Amino acid sequence: MHERPEQGPPSQTTNTVDGDAGTVFQLGSSHGNIGVFRGNNFMFNLGPRWAVVIVVCFLAAATAVAVVYVRSAPSEPAEPLAIAVTPTVKECDFRWVVPKPLAEVKAAADPAIKPDRYATWEHSRDGVQASTAKFTMTVQGHDATSNVVITGIRAKVLEKKPPLTGTLLTGECGAPTTAHYVRVDLDREQPVSFPDELDADTAADMVARGLRADPVRLPYSVSSTEPEVFTVVAGTESCDCTWVIELDWSAGGKSGVQTVGNDGKPFRTTSTSNAVPCVIHNSDWCV
């Protein structure tokens, strides 16, 4: 039977090195993997290439998570109001200045075209709606449960030029009656006004025809299921004007201004002072 030699106290060894020794560890005996400690961080001795691979993979995973979050998050519309503008062009209620002399307009006339089509007729594509131009503006929100409050309506004139020279195509009928409308006088410094109530008989007649007879009274609250429809009547006696409507709105603790144009472009209305009138009645020209 062999006896183990009696073990003494653990030895203590102090090493010194000159210069930068980098990572240093002292080992008596070891079995298995070896770890290296630097301060409080533990790093496997994988080398710089593996470190780059790990960082790149981490960044790629973070980017993928961010993209998924952005795509899944509900997108808010850039503007709170959905607005549809429809020009009012009727057989006996249209005024359109074509920048061509009367003889040229008559030479290109097509008797098969009805009077209410002259505003979109081939030769009048360069024409301009003459005072008084009229259109409807349907305003609603994007959400049925979130109301947007319309707090103001303004007209902003972008450019004023001399009245367009040419031929005035117009229908012949009695003066139209309009209620619940916004008047835009492009010759005034403050163009927008809201006419007062109609007399009782006229209002009753309009209501019987299914038309609104109440005057415009701001503010109005709209949603996707509760729109508000305005008739806009714009006129000028002195200019060929390019202009837009601005709506002040308030919703969800925010407020702002939304610009309204005609199919993505500003409105354009001209005076008829430089145009030769041509009243169209059925298929007869310049009666």
Protein backbone atom coordinates (compact mmCIF):
# COMPACT_ATOMS: atom_id res chain seq x y z
CA MET A 1 0.00 0.00 0.00
CA HIS A 2 1.42 3.28 -1.14
CA GLU A 3 0.97 6.43 0.83
CA ARG A 4 0.27 9.72 -0.84
CA PRO A 5 2.83 12.37 -0.23
CA GLU A 6 1.53 15.04 1.99
CA GLN A 7 0.49 18.15 -0.06
CA GLY A 8 1.78 21.50 1.00
CA PRO A 9 0.02 24.85 0.74
CA PRO A 10 -0.75 26.09 -2.81
CA SER A 11 2.13 27.83 -4.40
CA GLN A 12 1.95 31.53 -5.16
CA THR A 13 3.72 32.73 -8.27
CA THR A 14 4.11 36.29 -9.43
CA ASN A 15 4.93 36.94 -13.10
CA THR A 16 5.97 40.16 -14.73
CA VAL A 17 6.16 41.12 -18.38
CA ASP A 18 7.50 44.12 -20.24
CA GLY A 19 5.41 45.94 -22.88
CA ASP A 20 1.80 45.24 -23.96
CA ALA A 21 1.00 41.67 -23.06
CA GLY A 22 -2.56 41.73 -24.44
CA THR A 23 -4.77 39.12 -22.78
CA VAL A 24 -2.91 37.14 -20.11
CA PHE A 25 -4.05 34.22 -18.03
CA GLN A 26 -2.18 31.81 -15.79
CA LEU A 27 -3.00 28.11 -15.76
CA GLY A 28 -1.79 25.25 -13.69
CA SER A 29 -3.75 22.44 -15.28
CA SER A 30 -7.02 22.49 -17.27
CA HIS A 31 -9.47 20.09 -18.82
CA GLY A 32 -12.03 21.09 -21.49
CA ASN A 33 -12.70 24.56 -22.94
CA ILE A 34 -10.81 27.61 -21.80
CA GLY A 35 -12.51 30.93 -21.20
CA VAL A 36 -10.98 34.34 -21.14
CA PHE A 37 -12.29 37.12 -18.89
CA ARG A 38 -11.81 40.79 -19.66
CA GLY A 39 -13.23 42.89 -16.89
CA ASN A 40 -16.94 42.00 -16.61
CA ASN A 41 -17.36 40.76 -20.24
CA PHE A 42 -16.91 37.17 -21.25
CA MET A 43 -15.84 36.48 -24.84
CA PHE A 44 -15.20 33.25 -26.59
CA ASN A 45 -12.00 33.29 -28.48
CA LEU A 46 -13.67 33.22 -31.91
CA GLY A 47 -11.50 35.72 -33.76
CA PRO A 48 -12.40 39.03 -35.52
CA ARG A 49 -14.15 37.41 -38.53
CA TRP A 50 -16.70 35.60 -36.36
CA ALA A 51 -17.28 38.80 -34.41
CA VAL A 52 -18.17 40.65 -37.66
CA VAL A 53 -20.53 37.84 -38.69
CA ILE A 54 -22.34 37.99 -35.34
CA VAL A 55 -22.75 41.79 -35.54
CA VAL A 56 -24.06 41.63 -39.13
CA CYS A 57 -26.59 38.91 -38.23
CA PHE A 58 -27.81 40.94 -35.26
CA LEU A 59 -28.31 44.06 -37.36
CA ALA A 60 -30.15 42.09 -40.06
CA ALA A 61 -32.52 40.59 -37.48
CA ALA A 62 -33.20 44.01 -35.95
CA THR A 63 -33.93 45.49 -39.39
CA ALA A 64 -36.37 42.67 -40.23
CA VAL A 65 -38.25 43.22 -36.98
CA ALA A 66 -38.49 46.97 -37.65
CA VAL A 67 -39.82 46.40 -41.20
CA VAL A 68 -42.47 43.98 -39.96
CA TYR A 69 -43.55 46.48 -37.30
CA VAL A 70 -43.81 49.35 -39.78
CA ARG A 71 -45.81 47.26 -42.26
CA SER A 72 -48.19 45.99 -39.60
CA ALA A 73 -48.78 49.42 -38.03
CA PRO A 74 -51.97 51.12 -39.32
CA SER A 75 -51.19 54.01 -41.68
CA GLU A 76 -52.93 57.32 -41.14
CA PRO A 77 -54.10 59.32 -44.19
CA ALA A 78 -51.90 62.27 -45.04
CA GLU A 79 -54.94 64.59 -44.84
CA PRO A 80 -57.94 64.10 -42.54
CA LEU A 81 -60.62 65.06 -45.08
CA ALA A 82 -61.73 63.23 -48.21
CA ILE A 83 -63.07 65.83 -50.67
CA ALA A 84 -64.82 65.32 -53.99
CA VAL A 85 -65.33 68.29 -56.33
CA THR A 86 -67.95 68.12 -59.10
CA PRO A 87 -68.40 71.01 -61.57
CA THR A 88 -72.04 71.96 -62.15
CA VAL A 89 -72.67 72.13 -65.88
CA LYS A 90 -76.33 72.10 -66.90
CA GLU A 91 -78.03 72.71 -70.22
CA CYS A 92 -79.27 76.16 -69.26
CA ASP A 93 -76.66 76.99 -66.64
CA PHE A 94 -73.16 77.03 -68.13
CA ARG A 95 -70.70 79.77 -69.02
CA TRP A 96 -67.43 78.90 -70.74
CA VAL A 97 -64.88 81.19 -72.42
CA VAL A 98 -63.08 79.55 -75.34
CA PRO A 99 -59.82 81.29 -76.38
CA LYS A 100 -60.84 81.31 -80.07
CA PRO A 101 -62.69 83.82 -82.26
CA LEU A 102 -66.40 83.27 -82.87
CA ALA A 103 -65.94 82.27 -86.53
CA GLU A 104 -63.49 79.52 -85.63
CA VAL A 105 -65.74 78.23 -82.87
CA LYS A 106 -68.79 78.11 -85.16
CA ALA A 107 -66.78 76.40 -87.92
CA ALA A 108 -65.90 73.58 -85.51
CA ALA A 109 -69.42 73.29 -84.13
CA ASP A 110 -71.08 69.89 -84.05
CA PRO A 111 -74.92 70.09 -83.90
CA ALA A 112 -75.01 66.57 -82.44
CA ILE A 113 -73.40 67.79 -79.22
CA LYS A 114 -75.89 68.85 -76.59
CA PRO A 115 -75.44 72.25 -74.95
CA ASP A 116 -74.56 70.77 -71.55
CA ARG A 117 -71.54 69.07 -73.16
CA TYR A 118 -69.88 72.24 -74.37
CA ALA A 119 -67.76 72.54 -71.24
CA THR A 120 -65.99 69.30 -72.16
CA TRP A 121 -66.23 69.67 -75.94
CA GLU A 122 -63.06 68.97 -77.93
CA HIS A 123 -62.39 72.55 -79.03
CA SER A 124 -62.97 74.01 -75.55
CA ARG A 125 -60.28 72.07 -73.71
CA ASP A 126 -58.25 75.25 -73.41
CA GLY A 127 -61.28 77.22 -72.26
CA VAL A 128 -62.03 78.50 -68.80
CA GLN A 129 -65.21 78.52 -66.72
CA ALA A 130 -66.60 82.02 -66.78
CA SER A 131 -68.19 83.88 -63.96
CA THR A 132 -70.23 82.62 -62.49
CA ALA A 133 -68.62 79.16 -62.09
CA LYS A 134 -70.43 76.67 -59.91
CA PHE A 135 -69.48 73.32 -58.41
CA THR A 136 -70.33 71.08 -55.47
CA MET A 137 -67.82 70.13 -52.80
CA THR A 138 -68.54 66.95 -50.82
CA VAL A 139 -66.47 66.80 -47.64
CA GLN A 140 -66.19 63.79 -45.33
CA GLY A 141 -63.75 62.08 -42.98
CA HIS A 142 -61.82 58.87 -43.56
CA ASP A 143 -63.19 57.13 -40.45
CA ALA A 144 -66.78 56.49 -39.42
CA THR A 145 -66.01 56.74 -35.71
CA SER A 146 -63.67 59.76 -35.72
CA ASN A 147 -65.21 63.11 -36.54
CA VAL A 148 -63.36 65.95 -38.25
CA VAL A 149 -64.65 69.45 -37.53
CA ILE A 150 -64.55 72.01 -40.34
CA THR A 151 -63.93 75.33 -38.63
CA GLY A 152 -63.27 77.68 -41.56
CA ILE A 153 -63.53 78.09 -45.34
CA ARG A 154 -61.34 80.51 -47.30
CA ALA A 155 -60.46 81.19 -50.94
CA LYS A 156 -56.85 81.94 -51.84
CA VAL A 157 -56.08 83.60 -55.19
CA LEU A 158 -52.80 82.26 -56.58
CA GLU A 159 -52.58 84.33 -59.77
CA LYS A 160 -54.47 87.17 -61.44
CA LYS A 161 -54.25 87.88 -65.18
CA PRO A 162 -56.33 90.01 -67.58
CA PRO A 163 -59.64 88.39 -68.56
CA LEU A 164 -59.34 85.69 -71.20
CA THR A 165 -60.02 86.84 -74.78
CA GLY A 166 -62.25 84.65 -76.94
CA THR A 167 -65.83 83.48 -77.26
CA LEU A 168 -68.28 83.12 -74.39
CA LEU A 169 -70.42 80.00 -74.75
CA THR A 170 -73.47 80.25 -72.56
CA GLY A 171 -76.93 78.80 -72.14
CA GLU A 172 -80.13 80.81 -71.93
CA CYS A 173 -82.41 80.29 -68.95
CA GLY A 174 -83.74 82.02 -65.89
CA ALA A 175 -81.51 83.00 -63.02
CA PRO A 176 -80.76 79.92 -60.90
CA THR A 177 -81.64 79.86 -57.23
CA THR A 178 -78.94 78.53 -54.90
CA ALA A 179 -79.06 77.88 -51.18
CA HIS A 180 -76.63 76.39 -48.66
CA TYR A 181 -73.77 77.75 -50.70
CA VAL A 182 -70.44 79.52 -50.41
CA ARG A 183 -69.96 82.62 -52.53
CA VAL A 184 -66.44 83.34 -53.81
CA ASP A 185 -65.96 86.88 -55.16
CA LEU A 186 -62.46 86.77 -56.66
CA ASP A 187 -62.36 90.56 -56.98
CA ARG A 188 -62.46 91.10 -53.22
CA GLU A 189 -59.60 91.00 -50.73
CA GLN A 190 -61.58 88.52 -48.61
CA PRO A 191 -63.30 86.47 -51.36
CA VAL A 192 -65.51 84.11 -49.32
CA SER A 193 -68.92 84.99 -47.93
CA PHE A 194 -71.92 83.01 -46.73
CA PRO A 195 -75.25 84.39 -48.02
CA ASP A 196 -78.14 84.80 -45.62
CA GLU A 197 -81.34 82.79 -45.46
CA LEU A 198 -83.72 82.72 -48.40
CA ASP A 199 -87.21 84.10 -48.12
CA ALA A 200 -89.78 81.62 -46.79
CA ASP A 201 -91.53 80.90 -50.13
CA THR A 202 -88.27 80.24 -52.02
CA ALA A 203 -86.94 78.07 -49.21
CA ALA A 204 -90.14 76.03 -49.10
CA ASP A 205 -90.00 75.50 -52.86
CA MET A 206 -86.40 74.28 -52.69
CA VAL A 207 -87.13 71.91 -49.82
CA ALA A 208 -90.07 70.50 -51.82
CA ARG A 209 -87.61 69.77 -54.66
CA GLY A 210 -85.26 67.98 -52.28
CA LEU A 211 -82.73 70.82 -52.09
CA ARG A 212 -81.15 72.37 -49.03
CA ALA A 213 -82.36 75.86 -48.24
CA ASP A 214 -80.40 76.50 -45.03
CA PRO A 215 -77.45 78.92 -45.14
CA VAL A 216 -73.90 77.76 -44.39
CA ARG A 217 -73.14 78.03 -40.69
CA LEU A 218 -69.74 76.84 -39.49
CA PRO A 219 -68.49 74.68 -37.81
CA TYR A 220 -69.55 71.34 -39.33
CA SER A 221 -68.60 67.88 -38.05
CA VAL A 222 -68.05 65.19 -40.69
CA SER A 223 -67.08 61.51 -40.81
CA SER A 224 -67.00 58.83 -43.50
CA THR A 225 -70.72 58.19 -42.93
CA GLU A 226 -71.77 61.81 -42.32
CA PRO A 227 -70.55 64.02 -45.19
CA GLU A 228 -71.28 67.69 -45.73
CA VAL A 229 -72.06 69.01 -49.22
CA PHE A 230 -71.40 72.64 -50.16
CA THR A 231 -72.31 74.42 -53.37
CA VAL A 232 -69.57 76.88 -54.33
CA VAL A 233 -70.38 79.79 -56.63
CA ALA A 234 -67.33 81.74 -57.84
CA GLY A 235 -67.23 84.85 -59.99
CA THR A 236 -65.09 87.73 -61.19
CA GLU A 237 -65.56 90.84 -63.30
CA SER A 238 -61.91 91.84 -63.63
CA CYS A 239 -59.52 88.90 -63.96
CA ASP A 240 -58.57 85.49 -65.24
CA CYS A 241 -57.94 84.06 -61.77
CA THR A 242 -56.30 80.86 -60.57
CA TRP A 243 -57.35 80.00 -57.04
CA VAL A 244 -57.91 77.30 -54.40
CA ILE A 245 -60.13 76.76 -51.38
CA GLU A 246 -58.61 76.25 -47.93
CA LEU A 247 -60.50 74.36 -45.23
CA ASP A 248 -59.55 74.78 -41.58
CA TRP A 249 -60.02 71.50 -39.68
CA SER A 250 -59.70 70.12 -36.17
CA ALA A 251 -59.58 66.44 -35.16
CA GLY A 252 -58.09 64.33 -32.37
CA GLY A 253 -56.45 67.27 -30.64
CA LYS A 254 -54.81 68.42 -33.88
CA SER A 255 -55.67 71.20 -36.32
CA GLY A 256 -54.55 72.24 -39.77
CA VAL A 257 -55.45 73.52 -43.22
CA GLN A 258 -56.37 71.35 -46.22
CA THR A 259 -56.22 72.76 -49.75
CA VAL A 260 -58.98 71.96 -52.25
CA GLY A 261 -58.58 72.18 -56.02
CA ASN A 262 -60.23 70.80 -59.13
CA ASP A 263 -58.92 67.29 -59.85
CA GLY A 264 -55.53 68.04 -58.33
CA LYS A 265 -55.19 71.44 -60.01
CA PRO A 266 -56.20 74.94 -58.87
CA PHE A 267 -59.57 76.33 -59.96
CA ARG A 268 -59.58 78.84 -62.79
CA THR A 269 -62.31 81.39 -63.43
CA THR A 270 -62.32 84.28 -65.89
CA SER A 271 -64.29 87.43 -66.41
CA THR A 272 -66.32 87.61 -69.62
CA SER A 273 -65.39 91.23 -70.36
CA ASN A 274 -63.00 90.28 -73.22
CA ALA A 275 -65.22 87.59 -74.76
CA VAL A 276 -67.81 87.77 -77.53
CA PRO A 277 -71.06 86.19 -76.27
CA CYS A 278 -72.59 83.24 -78.06
CA VAL A 279 -75.87 82.01 -76.56
CA ILE A 280 -76.57 78.43 -77.46
CA HIS A 281 -80.17 77.18 -77.50
CA ASN A 282 -80.71 73.54 -78.45
CA SER A 283 -78.78 73.20 -81.75
CA ASP A 284 -78.93 76.88 -82.64
CA TRP A 285 -75.72 78.89 -82.35
CA CYS A 286 -75.47 82.50 -81.23
CA VAL A 287 -79.16 83.24 -81.07
